[in-house]
PDB file of all heavy atoms in Angstrom:
ATOM      1  N   ALA A   1     106.500 115.123 117.803  1.00  0.00           N
ATOM      2  CA  ALA A   1     105.794 113.914 118.248  1.00  0.00           C
ATOM      3  C   ALA A   1     104.675 114.264 119.229  1.00  0.00           C
ATOM      4  O   ALA A   1     104.879 115.001 120.184  1.00  0.00           O
ATOM      5  CB  ALA A   1     106.776 112.944 118.907  1.00  0.00           C
ATOM      6  N   GLY A   2     103.479 113.749 118.954  1.00  0.00           N
ATOM      7  CA  GLY A   2     102.344 113.958 119.828  1.00  0.00           C
ATOM      8  C   GLY A   2     101.643 115.300 119.673  1.00  0.00           C
ATOM      9  O   GLY A   2     100.642 115.551 120.331  1.00  0.00           O
ATOM     10  N   GLN A   3     102.145 116.170 118.784  1.00  0.00           N
ATOM     11  CA  GLN A   3     101.565 117.496 118.629  1.00  0.00           C
ATOM     12  C   GLN A   3     100.668 117.623 117.400  1.00  0.00           C
ATOM     13  O   GLN A   3     100.064 118.665 117.171  1.00  0.00           O
ATOM     14  CB  GLN A   3     102.681 118.552 118.539  1.00  0.00           C
ATOM     15  CG  GLN A   3     103.541 118.631 119.786  1.00  0.00           C
ATOM     16  CD  GLN A   3     104.603 119.714 119.675  1.00  0.00           C
ATOM     17  OE1 GLN A   3     104.292 120.893 119.581  1.00  0.00           O
ATOM     18  NE2 GLN A   3     105.853 119.306 119.669  1.00  0.00           N
ATOM     19  N   GLY A   4     100.561 116.564 116.602  1.00  0.00           N
ATOM     20  CA  GLY A   4      99.772 116.624 115.385  1.00  0.00           C
ATOM     21  C   GLY A   4      98.276 116.675 115.655  1.00  0.00           C
ATOM     22  O   GLY A   4      97.789 116.150 116.667  1.00  0.00           O
ATOM     23  N   VAL A   5      97.539 117.327 114.756  1.00  0.00           N
ATOM     24  CA  VAL A   5      96.080 117.341 114.838  1.00  0.00           C
ATOM     25  C   VAL A   5      95.449 116.605 113.656  1.00  0.00           C
ATOM     26  O   VAL A   5      94.240 116.325 113.660  1.00  0.00           O
ATOM     27  CB  VAL A   5      95.524 118.789 114.885  1.00  0.00           C
ATOM     28  CG1 VAL A   5      96.062 119.527 116.105  1.00  0.00           C
ATOM     29  CG2 VAL A   5      95.855 119.568 113.613  1.00  0.00           C
ATOM     30  N   PHE A   6      96.265 116.265 112.661  1.00  0.00           N
ATOM     31  CA  PHE A   6      95.758 115.689 111.405  1.00  0.00           C
ATOM     32  C   PHE A   6      96.961 115.090 110.684  1.00  0.00           C
ATOM     33  O   PHE A   6      98.068 115.624 110.787  1.00  0.00           O
ATOM     34  CB  PHE A   6      95.139 116.809 110.565  1.00  0.00           C
ATOM     35  CG  PHE A   6      94.490 116.385 109.265  1.00  0.00           C
ATOM     36  CD1 PHE A   6      93.134 116.091 109.224  1.00  0.00           C
ATOM     37  CD2 PHE A   6      95.220 116.317 108.089  1.00  0.00           C
ATOM     38  CE1 PHE A   6      92.522 115.727 108.026  1.00  0.00           C
ATOM     39  CE2 PHE A   6      94.623 115.952 106.892  1.00  0.00           C
ATOM     40  CZ  PHE A   6      93.267 115.665 106.862  1.00  0.00           C
ATOM     41  N   THR A   7      96.744 113.973 109.989  1.00  0.00           N
ATOM     42  CA  THR A   7      97.843 113.338 109.260  1.00  0.00           C
ATOM     43  C   THR A   7      97.498 113.176 107.790  1.00  0.00           C
ATOM     44  O   THR A   7      96.342 112.921 107.440  1.00  0.00           O
ATOM     45  CB  THR A   7      98.184 111.960 109.874  1.00  0.00           C
ATOM     46  OG1 THR A   7      98.719 112.147 111.186  1.00  0.00           O
ATOM     47  CG2 THR A   7      99.221 111.205 109.041  1.00  0.00           C
ATOM     48  N   ILE A   8      98.518 113.318 106.947  1.00  0.00           N
ATOM     49  CA  ILE A   8      98.399 113.044 105.511  1.00  0.00           C
ATOM     50  C   ILE A   8      99.290 111.864 105.182  1.00  0.00           C
ATOM     51  O   ILE A   8     100.471 111.845 105.540  1.00  0.00           O
ATOM     52  CB  ILE A   8      98.808 114.269 104.675  1.00  0.00           C
ATOM     53  CG1 ILE A   8      97.899 115.461 104.976  1.00  0.00           C
ATOM     54  CG2 ILE A   8      98.777 113.942 103.183  1.00  0.00           C
ATOM     55  CD1 ILE A   8      98.362 116.763 104.361  1.00  0.00           C
ATOM     56  N   THR A   9      98.722 110.872 104.509  1.00  0.00           N
ATOM     57  CA  THR A   9      99.498 109.720 104.069  1.00  0.00           C
ATOM     58  C   THR A   9      99.297 109.540 102.573  1.00  0.00           C
ATOM     59  O   THR A   9      98.167 109.570 102.086  1.00  0.00           O
ATOM     60  CB  THR A   9      99.114 108.438 104.855  1.00  0.00           C
ATOM     61  OG1 THR A   9      99.844 107.317 104.331  1.00  0.00           O
ATOM     62  CG2 THR A   9      97.620 108.144 104.786  1.00  0.00           C
ATOM     63  N   ASN A  10     100.388 109.380 101.835  1.00  0.00           N
ATOM     64  CA  ASN A  10     100.343 109.391 100.374  1.00  0.00           C
ATOM     65  C   ASN A  10     101.038 108.149  99.823  1.00  0.00           C
ATOM     66  O   ASN A  10     102.229 107.932 100.089  1.00  0.00           O
ATOM     67  CB  ASN A  10     101.028 110.664  99.866  1.00  0.00           C
ATOM     68  CG  ASN A  10     100.793 110.915  98.390  1.00  0.00           C
ATOM     69  OD1 ASN A  10     100.615 109.992  97.607  1.00  0.00           O
ATOM     70  ND2 ASN A  10     100.804 112.173  97.997  1.00  0.00           N
ATOM     71  N   LEU A  11     100.298 107.344  99.067  1.00  0.00           N
ATOM     72  CA  LEU A  11     100.872 106.177  98.389  1.00  0.00           C
ATOM     73  C   LEU A  11     100.850 106.357  96.874  1.00  0.00           C
ATOM     74  O   LEU A  11     101.041 105.408  96.124  1.00  0.00           O
ATOM     75  CB  LEU A  11     100.109 104.901  98.777  1.00  0.00           C
ATOM     76  CG  LEU A  11     100.253 104.441 100.226  1.00  0.00           C
ATOM     77  CD1 LEU A  11      99.416 103.191 100.477  1.00  0.00           C
ATOM     78  CD2 LEU A  11     101.719 104.171 100.573  1.00  0.00           C
ATOM     79  N   GLY A  12     100.616 107.600  96.441  1.00  0.00           N
ATOM     80  CA  GLY A  12     100.548 107.870  95.009  1.00  0.00           C
ATOM     81  C   GLY A  12     101.817 107.543  94.272  1.00  0.00           C
ATOM     82  O   GLY A  12     101.779 107.109  93.115  1.00  0.00           O
ATOM     83  N   MET A  13     102.971 107.722  94.931  1.00  0.00           N
ATOM     84  CA  MET A  13     104.249 107.446  94.272  1.00  0.00           C
ATOM     85  C   MET A  13     104.439 105.972  93.941  1.00  0.00           C
ATOM     86  O   MET A  13     105.283 105.609  93.141  1.00  0.00           O
ATOM     87  CB  MET A  13     105.418 107.949  95.130  1.00  0.00           C
ATOM     88  CG  MET A  13     105.603 107.237  96.451  1.00  0.00           C
ATOM     89  SD  MET A  13     104.334 107.638  97.695  1.00  0.00           S
ATOM     90  CE  MET A  13     104.701 109.353  98.002  1.00  0.00           C
ATOM     91  N   PHE A  14     103.608 105.105  94.563  1.00  0.00           N
ATOM     92  CA  PHE A  14     103.647 103.672  94.280  1.00  0.00           C
ATOM     93  C   PHE A  14     102.586 103.255  93.265  1.00  0.00           C
ATOM     94  O   PHE A  14     102.405 102.064  93.013  1.00  0.00           O
ATOM     95  CB  PHE A  14     103.471 102.871  95.574  1.00  0.00           C
ATOM     96  CG  PHE A  14     104.535 103.143  96.599  1.00  0.00           C
ATOM     97  CD1 PHE A  14     104.246 103.862  97.747  1.00  0.00           C
ATOM     98  CD2 PHE A  14     105.832 102.682  96.411  1.00  0.00           C
ATOM     99  CE1 PHE A  14     105.217 104.125  98.688  1.00  0.00           C
ATOM    100  CE2 PHE A  14     106.821 102.938  97.350  1.00  0.00           C
ATOM    101  CZ  PHE A  14     106.513 103.666  98.489  1.00  0.00           C
ATOM    102  N   GLY A  15     101.868 104.231  92.726  1.00  0.00           N
ATOM    103  CA  GLY A  15     100.841 103.937  91.738  1.00  0.00           C
ATOM    104  C   GLY A  15      99.511 103.495  92.327  1.00  0.00           C
ATOM    105  O   GLY A  15      98.608 103.103  91.593  1.00  0.00           O
ATOM    106  N   VAL A  16      99.377 103.573  93.655  1.00  0.00           N
ATOM    107  CA  VAL A  16      98.129 103.178  94.315  1.00  0.00           C
ATOM    108  C   VAL A  16      97.043 104.195  93.976  1.00  0.00           C
ATOM    109  O   VAL A  16      97.233 105.399  94.148  1.00  0.00           O
ATOM    110  CB  VAL A  16      98.329 103.095  95.842  1.00  0.00           C
ATOM    111  CG1 VAL A  16      97.000 102.877  96.558  1.00  0.00           C
ATOM    112  CG2 VAL A  16      99.307 101.984  96.178  1.00  0.00           C
ATOM    113  N   GLU A  17      95.895 103.717  93.516  1.00  0.00           N
ATOM    114  CA  GLU A  17      94.820 104.620  93.095  1.00  0.00           C
ATOM    115  C   GLU A  17      94.040 105.181  94.278  1.00  0.00           C
ATOM    116  O   GLU A  17      93.696 106.361  94.301  1.00  0.00           O
ATOM    117  CB  GLU A  17      93.877 103.906  92.119  1.00  0.00           C
ATOM    118  CG  GLU A  17      94.538 103.555  90.796  1.00  0.00           C
ATOM    119  CD  GLU A  17      93.571 102.987  89.790  1.00  0.00           C
ATOM    120  OE1 GLU A  17      92.376 102.854  90.118  1.00  0.00           O
ATOM    121  OE2 GLU A  17      94.006 102.672  88.670  1.00  0.00           O
ATOM    122  N   GLU A  18      93.752 104.335  95.259  1.00  0.00           N
ATOM    123  CA  GLU A  18      93.040 104.797  96.452  1.00  0.00           C
ATOM    124  C   GLU A  18      93.213 103.798  97.580  1.00  0.00           C
ATOM    125  O   GLU A  18      93.456 102.614  97.344  1.00  0.00           O
ATOM    126  CB  GLU A  18      91.555 105.012  96.157  1.00  0.00           C
ATOM    127  CG  GLU A  18      90.818 103.756  95.722  1.00  0.00           C
ATOM    128  CD  GLU A  18      89.350 104.032  95.452  1.00  0.00           C
ATOM    129  OE1 GLU A  18      89.036 104.713  94.475  1.00  0.00           O
ATOM    130  OE2 GLU A  18      88.525 103.539  96.245  1.00  0.00           O
ATOM    131  N   PHE A  19      93.091 104.275  98.807  1.00  0.00           N
ATOM    132  CA  PHE A  19      93.168 103.396  99.977  1.00  0.00           C
ATOM    133  C   PHE A  19      92.552 104.120 101.165  1.00  0.00           C
ATOM    134  O   PHE A  19      92.308 105.325 101.120  1.00  0.00           O
ATOM    135  CB  PHE A  19      94.618 102.979 100.280  1.00  0.00           C
ATOM    136  CG  PHE A  19      95.536 104.095 100.708  1.00  0.00           C
ATOM    137  CD1 PHE A  19      95.971 104.202 102.025  1.00  0.00           C
ATOM    138  CD2 PHE A  19      95.999 105.032  99.790  1.00  0.00           C
ATOM    139  CE1 PHE A  19      96.823 105.225 102.422  1.00  0.00           C
ATOM    140  CE2 PHE A  19      96.863 106.057 100.173  1.00  0.00           C
ATOM    141  CZ  PHE A  19      97.276 106.148 101.480  1.00  0.00           C
ATOM    142  N   SER A  20      92.274 103.370 102.222  1.00  0.00           N
ATOM    143  CA  SER A  20      91.707 103.935 103.445  1.00  0.00           C
ATOM    144  C   SER A  20      92.726 103.771 104.565  1.00  0.00           C
ATOM    145  O   SER A  20      93.244 102.670 104.771  1.00  0.00           O
ATOM    146  CB  SER A  20      90.400 103.224 103.812  1.00  0.00           C
ATOM    147  OG  SER A  20      89.446 103.384 102.772  1.00  0.00           O
ATOM    148  N   ALA A  21      93.015 104.836 105.285  1.00  0.00           N
ATOM    149  CA  ALA A  21      94.035 104.813 106.328  1.00  0.00           C
ATOM    150  C   ALA A  21      93.407 104.737 107.714  1.00  0.00           C
ATOM    151  O   ALA A  21      92.261 105.140 107.916  1.00  0.00           O
ATOM    152  CB  ALA A  21      94.907 106.064 106.215  1.00  0.00           C
ATOM    153  N   ILE A  22      94.189 104.240 108.663  1.00  0.00           N
ATOM    154  CA  ILE A  22      93.764 104.172 110.065  1.00  0.00           C
ATOM    155  C   ILE A  22      94.162 105.473 110.751  1.00  0.00           C
ATOM    156  O   ILE A  22      95.283 105.960 110.589  1.00  0.00           O
ATOM    157  CB  ILE A  22      94.410 102.966 110.775  1.00  0.00           C
ATOM    158  CG1 ILE A  22      93.976 101.661 110.096  1.00  0.00           C
ATOM    159  CG2 ILE A  22      94.032 102.941 112.252  1.00  0.00           C
ATOM    160  CD1 ILE A  22      94.678 100.426 110.637  1.00  0.00           C
ATOM    161  N   ILE A  23      93.243 106.036 111.518  1.00  0.00           N
ATOM    162  CA  ILE A  23      93.483 107.292 112.231  1.00  0.00           C
ATOM    163  C   ILE A  23      94.629 107.132 113.227  1.00  0.00           C
ATOM    164  O   ILE A  23      94.772 106.090 113.874  1.00  0.00           O
ATOM    165  CB  ILE A  23      92.196 107.739 112.952  1.00  0.00           C
ATOM    166  CG1 ILE A  23      91.093 108.043 111.928  1.00  0.00           C
ATOM    167  CG2 ILE A  23      92.451 108.954 113.839  1.00  0.00           C
ATOM    168  CD1 ILE A  23      89.711 108.182 112.535  1.00  0.00           C
ATOM    169  N   ASN A  24      95.434 108.179 113.337  1.00  0.00           N
ATOM    170  CA  ASN A  24      96.581 108.195 114.239  1.00  0.00           C
ATOM    171  C   ASN A  24      96.191 108.911 115.537  1.00  0.00           C
ATOM    172  O   ASN A  24      96.223 110.131 115.602  1.00  0.00           O
ATOM    173  CB  ASN A  24      97.746 108.926 113.541  1.00  0.00           C
ATOM    174  CG  ASN A  24      99.012 108.944 114.364  1.00  0.00           C
ATOM    175  OD1 ASN A  24      99.279 108.037 115.146  1.00  0.00           O
ATOM    176  ND2 ASN A  24      99.807 109.993 114.194  1.00  0.00           N
ATOM    177  N   PRO A  25      95.760 108.162 116.586  1.00  0.00           N
ATOM    178  CA  PRO A  25      95.297 108.805 117.821  1.00  0.00           C
ATOM    179  C   PRO A  25      96.393 109.675 118.450  1.00  0.00           C
ATOM    180  O   PRO A  25      97.578 109.370 118.307  1.00  0.00           O
ATOM    181  CB  PRO A  25      94.967 107.618 118.732  1.00  0.00           C
ATOM    182  CG  PRO A  25      94.799 106.465 117.811  1.00  0.00           C
ATOM    183  CD  PRO A  25      95.748 106.715 116.688  1.00  0.00           C
TER     184      PRO A  25
END
């Protein structure tokens, strides 16, 4: 927790083609 420099978020398993994510400060 709090040590990340970059996040990956994946909704492909739900069939979502594309989306825009909010940055995790």
